[in-house]
Protein backbone atom coordinates (compact mmCIF):
# COMPACT_ATOMS: atom_id res chain seq x y z
CA MET A 1 -29.29 2.23 -9.27
CA PHE A 2 -27.32 5.48 -8.77
CA GLY A 3 -27.39 6.58 -12.44
CA SER A 4 -24.18 7.17 -14.30
CA GLY A 5 -21.86 10.07 -15.25
CA GLY A 6 -22.22 12.00 -11.98
CA GLY A 7 -18.66 11.59 -10.90
CA ASP A 8 -17.42 12.59 -14.30
CA ARG A 9 -19.49 15.77 -14.08
CA VAL A 10 -18.24 16.63 -10.71
CA ALA A 11 -14.65 16.04 -11.70
CA GLU A 12 -15.12 18.21 -14.77
CA THR A 13 -16.72 21.01 -12.83
CA LEU A 14 -13.95 20.88 -10.27
CA SER A 15 -11.26 20.84 -12.85
CA GLN A 16 -12.82 23.98 -14.47
CA ARG A 17 -13.27 25.71 -11.06
CA PHE A 18 -9.75 25.08 -9.70
CA GLY A 19 -7.85 25.23 -13.06
CA TYR A 20 -6.15 21.88 -12.92
CA ASP A 21 -7.13 18.30 -13.48
CA VAL A 22 -9.34 16.65 -10.91
CA PRO A 23 -9.60 13.05 -12.05
CA VAL A 24 -12.14 10.44 -11.24
CA LEU A 25 -10.03 7.86 -9.30
CA ALA A 26 -12.21 4.81 -10.09
CA ARG A 27 -15.58 3.53 -10.67
CA ILE A 28 -16.30 0.75 -7.96
CA PRO A 29 -18.66 -1.85 -9.22
CA LEU A 30 -21.41 -2.87 -6.79
CA GLU A 31 -21.04 -6.50 -5.87
CA THR A 32 -22.70 -8.53 -3.14
CA ALA A 33 -19.27 -9.57 -1.75
CA LEU A 34 -18.37 -5.89 -1.39
CA ARG A 35 -21.48 -5.15 0.66
CA GLU A 36 -21.15 -8.30 2.76
CA GLY A 37 -17.51 -7.59 3.41
CA GLY A 38 -18.29 -4.08 4.45
CA ASP A 39 -21.02 -5.22 6.83
CA ALA A 40 -18.66 -7.90 8.33
CA GLY A 41 -15.62 -5.52 8.42
CA THR A 42 -13.69 -7.66 5.90
CA PRO A 43 -12.15 -5.63 3.09
CA ILE A 44 -12.99 -6.96 -0.40
CA VAL A 45 -9.18 -6.81 -1.28
CA ASN A 46 -8.71 -9.53 1.37
CA ALA A 47 -11.90 -11.55 0.85
CA ASP A 48 -11.70 -11.66 -2.94
CA PRO A 49 -8.66 -9.97 -4.38
CA ALA A 50 -9.50 -10.91 -7.89
CA SER A 51 -12.99 -9.31 -7.87
CA PRO A 52 -13.60 -6.22 -10.09
CA ALA A 53 -14.26 -4.06 -7.04
CA ALA A 54 -11.09 -5.13 -5.35
CA ARG A 55 -9.08 -4.39 -8.49
CA SER A 56 -10.65 -0.98 -8.60
CA PHE A 57 -9.61 -0.25 -4.95
CA GLU A 58 -6.09 -1.60 -5.77
CA GLY A 59 -5.97 0.81 -8.62
CA ILE A 60 -6.90 3.75 -6.37
CA ALA A 61 -4.22 2.82 -3.89
CA THR A 62 -1.59 2.48 -6.67
CA THR A 63 -2.59 5.92 -8.07
CA LEU A 64 -2.52 7.73 -4.84
CA SER A 65 0.64 6.09 -3.50
CA GLY A 66 2.58 7.39 -6.61
CA ARG A 67 1.42 10.99 -5.91
CA GLY A 68 3.18 13.64 -3.83
CA ARG A 69 1.59 14.64 -0.55
CA GLY A 70 0.47 17.97 -1.97
CA LEU A 71 -0.47 20.40 0.94
CA ALA A 72 -1.05 17.56 3.46
CA GLY A 73 0.97 18.23 6.64
CA MET A 74 2.46 21.56 5.33
CA GLN A 75 2.31 24.74 7.32
CA LEU A 76 0.30 27.26 5.14
CA GLY A 77 0.99 30.42 7.25
CA LEU A 78 -2.72 30.80 8.30
CA THR A 79 -3.96 31.55 11.72
CA PRO A 80 -7.41 30.53 12.86
CA SER A 81 -9.71 33.29 13.69
CA ASN A 82 -12.99 33.41 15.61
CA ARG A 83 -14.15 36.48 13.84
CA PHE A 84 -16.50 35.88 10.95
């Protein structure tokens, strides 16, 4: 439906541009339960934790929870300016 390989191409381009690895975090399979849960406000990881989509989201959470915060919340010594 959406084609394939686009996320990999974007990750590769960003990795080259920034000079460090920008990984694809996951490939989420499109499932009816995922769409229905999104419409109803019920996360797939609660509604069907064994589904491939839920396992993909769990993998993302595990990967991100093991990383440092990076620059999030750090003062960078920059001052906003209205001059452009």
